[in-house]
N, C-alpha and C. Protein backbone atom coordinates (compact mmCIF):
# COMPACT_ATOMS: atom_id res chain seq x y z
N UNK A 1 -13.01 31.86 -28.09
CA UNK A 1 -13.47 31.79 -26.71
C UNK A 1 -13.24 30.41 -26.11
N UNK A 2 -13.42 29.35 -26.93
CA UNK A 2 -13.24 27.98 -26.44
C UNK A 2 -11.82 27.77 -25.92
N UNK A 3 -10.84 28.27 -26.62
CA UNK A 3 -9.45 28.08 -26.20
C UNK A 3 -9.15 28.75 -24.87
N UNK A 4 -9.74 29.91 -24.64
CA UNK A 4 -9.50 30.63 -23.38
C UNK A 4 -10.09 29.84 -22.21
N UNK A 5 -11.30 29.32 -22.38
CA UNK A 5 -11.93 28.54 -21.32
C UNK A 5 -11.13 27.26 -21.07
N UNK A 6 -10.73 26.60 -22.14
CA UNK A 6 -9.92 25.38 -22.01
C UNK A 6 -8.61 25.67 -21.27
N UNK A 7 -7.98 26.75 -21.60
CA UNK A 7 -6.72 27.13 -20.94
C UNK A 7 -6.95 27.40 -19.46
N UNK A 8 -8.08 28.05 -19.11
CA UNK A 8 -8.37 28.29 -17.70
C UNK A 8 -8.59 26.96 -16.96
N UNK A 9 -9.29 26.01 -17.60
CA UNK A 9 -9.45 24.68 -16.99
C UNK A 9 -8.10 23.99 -16.83
N UNK A 10 -7.24 24.12 -17.82
CA UNK A 10 -5.92 23.50 -17.74
C UNK A 10 -5.12 24.06 -16.56
N UNK A 11 -5.18 25.34 -16.38
CA UNK A 11 -4.47 25.98 -15.26
C UNK A 11 -5.06 25.50 -13.93
N UNK A 12 -6.40 25.47 -13.86
CA UNK A 12 -7.06 25.01 -12.64
C UNK A 12 -6.65 23.58 -12.30
N UNK A 13 -6.68 22.68 -13.28
CA UNK A 13 -6.36 21.29 -12.99
C UNK A 13 -4.87 21.09 -12.75
N UNK A 14 -4.03 21.94 -13.30
CA UNK A 14 -2.61 21.86 -12.97
C UNK A 14 -2.40 22.22 -11.49
N UNK A 15 -3.10 23.24 -11.03
CA UNK A 15 -2.99 23.63 -9.62
C UNK A 15 -3.54 22.53 -8.71
N UNK A 16 -4.66 21.91 -9.10
CA UNK A 16 -5.21 20.80 -8.32
C UNK A 16 -4.20 19.65 -8.29
N UNK A 17 -3.57 19.39 -9.42
CA UNK A 17 -2.57 18.33 -9.50
C UNK A 17 -1.43 18.58 -8.51
N UNK A 18 -0.99 19.81 -8.42
CA UNK A 18 0.10 20.16 -7.48
C UNK A 18 -0.35 19.98 -6.04
N UNK A 19 -1.60 20.31 -5.73
CA UNK A 19 -2.11 20.16 -4.37
C UNK A 19 -2.21 18.68 -4.00
N UNK A 20 -2.59 17.85 -4.97
CA UNK A 20 -2.71 16.42 -4.67
C UNK A 20 -1.36 15.80 -4.37
N UNK A 21 -0.29 16.41 -4.83
CA UNK A 21 1.05 15.95 -4.42
C UNK A 21 1.20 16.01 -2.91
N UNK A 22 0.71 17.09 -2.31
CA UNK A 22 0.78 17.24 -0.86
C UNK A 22 -0.13 16.23 -0.16
N UNK A 23 -1.30 15.97 -0.75
CA UNK A 23 -2.20 14.97 -0.19
C UNK A 23 -1.54 13.60 -0.22
N UNK A 24 -0.89 13.28 -1.35
CA UNK A 24 -0.20 12.00 -1.47
C UNK A 24 0.94 11.89 -0.45
N UNK A 25 1.65 12.98 -0.22
CA UNK A 25 2.70 13.00 0.80
C UNK A 25 2.11 12.72 2.18
N UNK A 26 0.96 13.34 2.48
CA UNK A 26 0.31 13.11 3.77
C UNK A 26 -0.14 11.65 3.91
N UNK A 27 -0.68 11.08 2.84
CA UNK A 27 -1.10 9.67 2.85
C UNK A 27 0.11 8.78 3.14
N UNK A 28 1.21 9.06 2.47
CA UNK A 28 2.42 8.26 2.67
C UNK A 28 2.91 8.35 4.12
N UNK A 29 2.96 9.55 4.67
CA UNK A 29 3.45 9.73 6.03
C UNK A 29 2.53 9.04 7.05
N UNK A 30 1.23 9.12 6.83
CA UNK A 30 0.28 8.44 7.72
C UNK A 30 0.47 6.93 7.65
N UNK A 31 0.60 6.40 6.44
CA UNK A 31 0.78 4.96 6.28
C UNK A 31 2.09 4.48 6.91
N UNK A 32 3.15 5.25 6.74
CA UNK A 32 4.43 4.89 7.35
C UNK A 32 4.29 4.88 8.87
N UNK A 33 3.65 5.91 9.42
CA UNK A 33 3.44 5.96 10.86
C UNK A 33 2.62 4.79 11.36
N UNK A 34 1.54 4.49 10.65
CA UNK A 34 0.71 3.34 11.05
C UNK A 34 1.49 2.03 10.95
N UNK A 35 2.30 1.90 9.91
CA UNK A 35 3.09 0.68 9.73
C UNK A 35 4.12 0.53 10.84
N UNK A 36 4.71 1.62 11.26
CA UNK A 36 5.72 1.57 12.33
C UNK A 36 5.07 1.27 13.68
N UNK A 37 3.98 1.96 14.00
CA UNK A 37 3.42 1.86 15.34
C UNK A 37 2.39 0.76 15.52
N UNK A 38 1.67 0.40 14.45
CA UNK A 38 0.67 -0.66 14.62
C UNK A 38 1.02 -1.93 13.86
N UNK A 39 2.08 -1.87 13.08
CA UNK A 39 2.53 -3.06 12.38
C UNK A 39 1.94 -3.27 11.00
N UNK A 40 0.94 -2.47 10.63
CA UNK A 40 0.36 -2.61 9.31
C UNK A 40 -0.32 -1.30 8.89
N UNK A 41 -0.30 -1.01 7.59
CA UNK A 41 -0.96 0.20 7.10
C UNK A 41 -2.48 0.03 7.08
N UNK A 42 -3.19 1.14 6.99
CA UNK A 42 -4.65 1.14 6.99
C UNK A 42 -5.21 0.71 5.64
N UNK A 43 -6.19 -0.19 5.67
CA UNK A 43 -6.83 -0.66 4.43
C UNK A 43 -7.61 0.47 3.76
N UNK A 44 -8.32 1.28 4.54
CA UNK A 44 -9.11 2.35 3.95
C UNK A 44 -8.22 3.41 3.30
N UNK A 45 -7.07 3.66 3.90
CA UNK A 45 -6.14 4.63 3.30
C UNK A 45 -5.52 4.04 2.04
N UNK A 46 -5.29 2.71 2.03
CA UNK A 46 -4.81 2.07 0.80
C UNK A 46 -5.80 2.28 -0.34
N UNK A 47 -7.08 2.09 -0.04
CA UNK A 47 -8.13 2.27 -1.06
C UNK A 47 -8.17 3.72 -1.52
N UNK A 48 -8.05 4.66 -0.58
CA UNK A 48 -8.03 6.08 -0.95
C UNK A 48 -6.83 6.37 -1.84
N UNK A 49 -5.68 5.79 -1.50
CA UNK A 49 -4.48 6.01 -2.31
C UNK A 49 -4.65 5.51 -3.74
N UNK A 50 -5.31 4.36 -3.89
CA UNK A 50 -5.57 3.85 -5.24
C UNK A 50 -6.52 4.77 -6.00
N UNK A 51 -7.56 5.27 -5.34
CA UNK A 51 -8.50 6.16 -6.03
C UNK A 51 -7.84 7.52 -6.31
N UNK A 52 -6.94 7.96 -5.44
CA UNK A 52 -6.20 9.19 -5.69
C UNK A 52 -5.31 9.03 -6.92
N UNK A 53 -4.70 7.85 -7.07
CA UNK A 53 -3.90 7.57 -8.26
C UNK A 53 -4.74 7.60 -9.52
N UNK A 54 -5.96 7.06 -9.46
CA UNK A 54 -6.86 7.10 -10.62
C UNK A 54 -7.25 8.54 -10.93
N UNK A 55 -7.46 9.36 -9.90
CA UNK A 55 -7.78 10.78 -10.10
C UNK A 55 -6.62 11.52 -10.75
N UNK A 56 -5.41 11.25 -10.29
CA UNK A 56 -4.23 11.88 -10.90
C UNK A 56 -4.09 11.48 -12.36
N UNK A 57 -4.44 10.24 -12.67
CA UNK A 57 -4.40 9.79 -14.06
C UNK A 57 -5.42 10.57 -14.89
N UNK A 58 -6.62 10.78 -14.35
CA UNK A 58 -7.62 11.55 -15.07
C UNK A 58 -7.13 12.97 -15.33
N UNK A 59 -6.51 13.57 -14.32
CA UNK A 59 -6.01 14.93 -14.49
C UNK A 59 -4.92 14.98 -15.55
N UNK A 60 -3.98 14.04 -15.49
CA UNK A 60 -2.89 14.06 -16.47
C UNK A 60 -3.41 13.82 -17.89
N UNK A 61 -4.44 12.98 -18.04
CA UNK A 61 -5.03 12.78 -19.35
C UNK A 61 -5.71 14.04 -19.84
N UNK A 62 -6.38 14.76 -18.95
CA UNK A 62 -7.01 16.02 -19.34
C UNK A 62 -5.97 17.07 -19.70
N UNK A 63 -4.91 17.17 -18.88
CA UNK A 63 -3.87 18.17 -19.14
C UNK A 63 -3.12 17.92 -20.45
N UNK A 64 -3.00 16.66 -20.82
CA UNK A 64 -2.26 16.32 -22.05
C UNK A 64 -3.17 16.19 -23.28
N UNK A 65 -4.43 16.61 -23.13
CA UNK A 65 -5.42 16.56 -24.21
C UNK A 65 -5.75 15.12 -24.64
N UNK A 66 -5.43 14.13 -23.82
CA UNK A 66 -5.78 12.75 -24.13
C UNK A 66 -7.25 12.49 -23.83
N UNK A 67 -7.87 13.35 -23.02
CA UNK A 67 -9.29 13.23 -22.68
C UNK A 67 -9.89 14.63 -22.59
N UNK A 68 -11.10 14.75 -23.05
CA UNK A 68 -11.82 16.03 -22.94
C UNK A 68 -12.71 16.06 -21.71
N UNK A 69 -12.86 14.92 -21.02
CA UNK A 69 -13.70 14.86 -19.82
C UNK A 69 -12.97 15.52 -18.66
N UNK A 70 -13.63 16.49 -18.07
CA UNK A 70 -13.04 17.19 -16.93
C UNK A 70 -13.12 16.30 -15.69
N UNK A 71 -12.01 16.18 -14.96
CA UNK A 71 -12.00 15.36 -13.73
C UNK A 71 -12.81 16.02 -12.62
N UNK A 72 -12.88 15.32 -11.48
CA UNK A 72 -13.51 15.83 -10.28
C UNK A 72 -12.98 17.23 -10.00
N UNK A 73 -13.75 18.19 -9.67
CA UNK A 73 -15.12 18.25 -9.19
C UNK A 73 -16.17 18.41 -10.30
N UNK A 74 -15.77 18.37 -11.57
CA UNK A 74 -16.73 18.52 -12.66
C UNK A 74 -17.31 17.17 -13.09
N UNK A 75 -16.80 16.11 -12.56
CA UNK A 75 -17.35 14.77 -12.76
C UNK A 75 -17.22 14.03 -11.42
N UNK A 76 -17.67 12.80 -11.39
CA UNK A 76 -17.61 12.03 -10.15
C UNK A 76 -16.17 11.65 -9.80
N UNK A 77 -15.94 11.50 -8.49
CA UNK A 77 -14.63 11.01 -8.02
C UNK A 77 -14.43 9.60 -8.57
N UNK A 78 -13.24 9.30 -9.05
CA UNK A 78 -13.03 7.97 -9.64
C UNK A 78 -13.21 6.86 -8.61
N UNK A 79 -14.05 5.92 -8.95
CA UNK A 79 -14.29 4.75 -8.11
C UNK A 79 -13.39 3.63 -8.58
N UNK A 80 -12.93 2.83 -7.64
CA UNK A 80 -12.13 1.67 -8.00
C UNK A 80 -13.04 0.61 -8.57
N UNK A 81 -12.61 0.02 -9.66
CA UNK A 81 -13.38 -1.08 -10.22
C UNK A 81 -13.26 -2.31 -9.35
N UNK A 82 -14.10 -3.28 -9.60
CA UNK A 82 -14.08 -4.51 -8.82
C UNK A 82 -12.73 -5.21 -8.94
N UNK A 83 -12.13 -5.16 -10.13
CA UNK A 83 -10.84 -5.82 -10.34
C UNK A 83 -9.74 -5.16 -9.50
N UNK A 84 -9.75 -3.81 -9.44
CA UNK A 84 -8.74 -3.11 -8.66
C UNK A 84 -8.93 -3.38 -7.17
N UNK A 85 -10.18 -3.39 -6.70
CA UNK A 85 -10.44 -3.67 -5.29
C UNK A 85 -10.01 -5.08 -4.94
N UNK A 86 -10.33 -6.04 -5.81
CA UNK A 86 -9.95 -7.43 -5.56
C UNK A 86 -8.45 -7.62 -5.57
N UNK A 87 -7.74 -6.90 -6.48
CA UNK A 87 -6.28 -7.05 -6.53
C UNK A 87 -5.65 -6.52 -5.25
N UNK A 88 -6.20 -5.43 -4.72
CA UNK A 88 -5.69 -4.89 -3.45
C UNK A 88 -5.98 -5.87 -2.32
N UNK A 89 -7.19 -6.44 -2.29
CA UNK A 89 -7.56 -7.40 -1.25
C UNK A 89 -6.70 -8.66 -1.37
N UNK A 90 -6.48 -9.13 -2.60
CA UNK A 90 -5.67 -10.33 -2.80
C UNK A 90 -4.24 -10.11 -2.35
N UNK A 91 -3.69 -8.93 -2.66
CA UNK A 91 -2.33 -8.62 -2.24
C UNK A 91 -2.24 -8.57 -0.72
N UNK A 92 -3.24 -8.02 -0.07
CA UNK A 92 -3.25 -7.96 1.39
C UNK A 92 -3.37 -9.36 1.97
N UNK A 93 -4.26 -10.19 1.40
CA UNK A 93 -4.40 -11.57 1.88
C UNK A 93 -3.10 -12.33 1.71
N UNK A 94 -2.40 -12.12 0.60
CA UNK A 94 -1.13 -12.79 0.35
C UNK A 94 -0.09 -12.36 1.38
N UNK A 95 -0.06 -11.07 1.72
CA UNK A 95 0.88 -10.59 2.74
C UNK A 95 0.60 -11.28 4.08
N UNK A 96 -0.67 -11.40 4.45
CA UNK A 96 -1.04 -12.05 5.72
C UNK A 96 -0.61 -13.51 5.70
N UNK A 97 -0.85 -14.20 4.57
CA UNK A 97 -0.46 -15.60 4.47
C UNK A 97 1.06 -15.75 4.58
N UNK A 98 1.81 -14.86 3.95
CA UNK A 98 3.27 -14.92 4.04
C UNK A 98 3.74 -14.69 5.47
N UNK A 99 3.11 -13.75 6.19
CA UNK A 99 3.49 -13.49 7.58
C UNK A 99 3.22 -14.71 8.46
N UNK A 100 2.07 -15.35 8.24
CA UNK A 100 1.73 -16.54 9.03
C UNK A 100 2.72 -17.66 8.74
N UNK A 101 3.05 -17.86 7.47
CA UNK A 101 4.03 -18.90 7.11
C UNK A 101 5.38 -18.63 7.75
N UNK A 102 5.79 -17.37 7.75
CA UNK A 102 7.08 -17.01 8.35
C UNK A 102 7.06 -17.28 9.85
N UNK A 103 5.95 -16.94 10.52
CA UNK A 103 5.85 -17.19 11.96
C UNK A 103 5.90 -18.68 12.26
N UNK A 104 5.20 -19.49 11.46
CA UNK A 104 5.21 -20.93 11.67
C UNK A 104 6.61 -21.48 11.48
N UNK A 105 7.30 -21.02 10.45
CA UNK A 105 8.67 -21.47 10.19
C UNK A 105 9.59 -21.07 11.33
N UNK A 106 9.44 -19.83 11.83
CA UNK A 106 10.27 -19.38 12.95
C UNK A 106 10.03 -20.23 14.19
N UNK A 107 8.77 -20.54 14.48
CA UNK A 107 8.45 -21.35 15.66
C UNK A 107 9.00 -22.75 15.50
N UNK A 108 8.92 -23.30 14.29
CA UNK A 108 9.46 -24.64 14.05
C UNK A 108 10.97 -24.65 14.24
N UNK A 109 11.64 -23.59 13.77
CA UNK A 109 13.08 -23.49 13.94
C UNK A 109 13.47 -23.39 15.41
N UNK A 110 12.69 -22.63 16.19
CA UNK A 110 12.97 -22.48 17.61
C UNK A 110 12.79 -23.82 18.31
N UNK A 111 11.72 -24.54 17.98
CA UNK A 111 11.48 -25.85 18.60
C UNK A 111 12.58 -26.84 18.24
N UNK A 112 13.03 -26.84 16.99
CA UNK A 112 14.11 -27.72 16.56
C UNK A 112 15.39 -27.38 17.29
N UNK A 113 15.69 -26.09 17.41
CA UNK A 113 16.90 -25.66 18.11
C UNK A 113 16.85 -26.08 19.58
N UNK A 114 15.67 -25.97 20.21
CA UNK A 114 15.53 -26.34 21.62
C UNK A 114 15.78 -27.82 21.81
N UNK A 115 15.24 -28.64 20.92
CA UNK A 115 15.43 -30.08 21.02
C UNK A 115 16.89 -30.44 20.80
N UNK A 116 17.53 -29.79 19.82
CA UNK A 116 18.95 -30.06 19.56
C UNK A 116 19.80 -29.66 20.76
N UNK A 117 19.50 -28.52 21.36
CA UNK A 117 20.26 -28.06 22.52
C UNK A 117 20.07 -29.03 23.69
N UNK A 118 18.87 -29.56 23.85
CA UNK A 118 18.62 -30.53 24.90
C UNK A 118 19.44 -31.79 24.71
N UNK A 119 19.55 -32.26 23.47
CA UNK A 119 20.35 -33.45 23.18
C UNK A 119 21.82 -33.16 23.47
N UNK A 120 22.28 -32.02 23.01
CA UNK A 120 23.68 -31.67 23.20
C UNK A 120 24.02 -31.55 24.68
N UNK A 121 23.11 -30.97 25.46
CA UNK A 121 23.35 -30.84 26.90
C UNK A 121 23.41 -32.22 27.55
N UNK A 122 22.51 -33.12 27.14
CA UNK A 122 22.50 -34.47 27.70
C UNK A 122 23.76 -35.22 27.33
N UNK A 123 24.17 -35.09 26.06
CA UNK A 123 25.39 -35.76 25.61
C UNK A 123 26.60 -35.21 26.35
N UNK A 124 26.64 -33.88 26.54
CA UNK A 124 27.77 -33.26 27.23
C UNK A 124 27.81 -33.71 28.67
N UNK A 125 26.67 -33.83 29.32
CA UNK A 125 26.62 -34.26 30.71
C UNK A 125 27.07 -35.70 30.85
N UNK A 126 26.60 -36.56 29.94
CA UNK A 126 27.00 -37.96 30.03
C UNK A 126 28.48 -38.13 29.69
N UNK A 127 29.01 -37.32 28.81
CA UNK A 127 30.42 -37.40 28.47
C UNK A 127 31.29 -36.93 29.64
N UNK A 128 30.84 -35.90 30.36
CA UNK A 128 31.63 -35.40 31.47
C UNK A 128 31.56 -36.37 32.67
N UNK A 129 30.48 -37.15 32.78
CA UNK A 129 30.35 -38.12 33.87
C UNK A 129 31.27 -39.31 33.66
N UNK A 130 31.66 -39.59 32.45
CA UNK A 130 32.53 -40.73 32.15
C UNK A 130 33.90 -40.43 32.55
């Protein structure tokens, strides 16, 4: 009897695994849309994506007999640990710092080009006056 129940759970979690593929596709499409139209993906959806990845890991461990613990809905939804949340926050902070550095560099390059063009125009004018 135990094997039959286990097999039914395996089938159920395989079907859930297939459905989460569609959820992951929806998450990806939403993030791409947000990135295109607002310039950055959503932080809350990033966190959901990480927890969805942890859930998929739980399912794959259950399906491969690496774990006997049944994933959600028979246990709690996987929560991100403090280390995972911090790594996501650190990566986001690093992206923001890189964008700011790039903007500063671009502005410095524009200012340098403007000053150089001003010198060249002045030199060209004085040369043509001679």
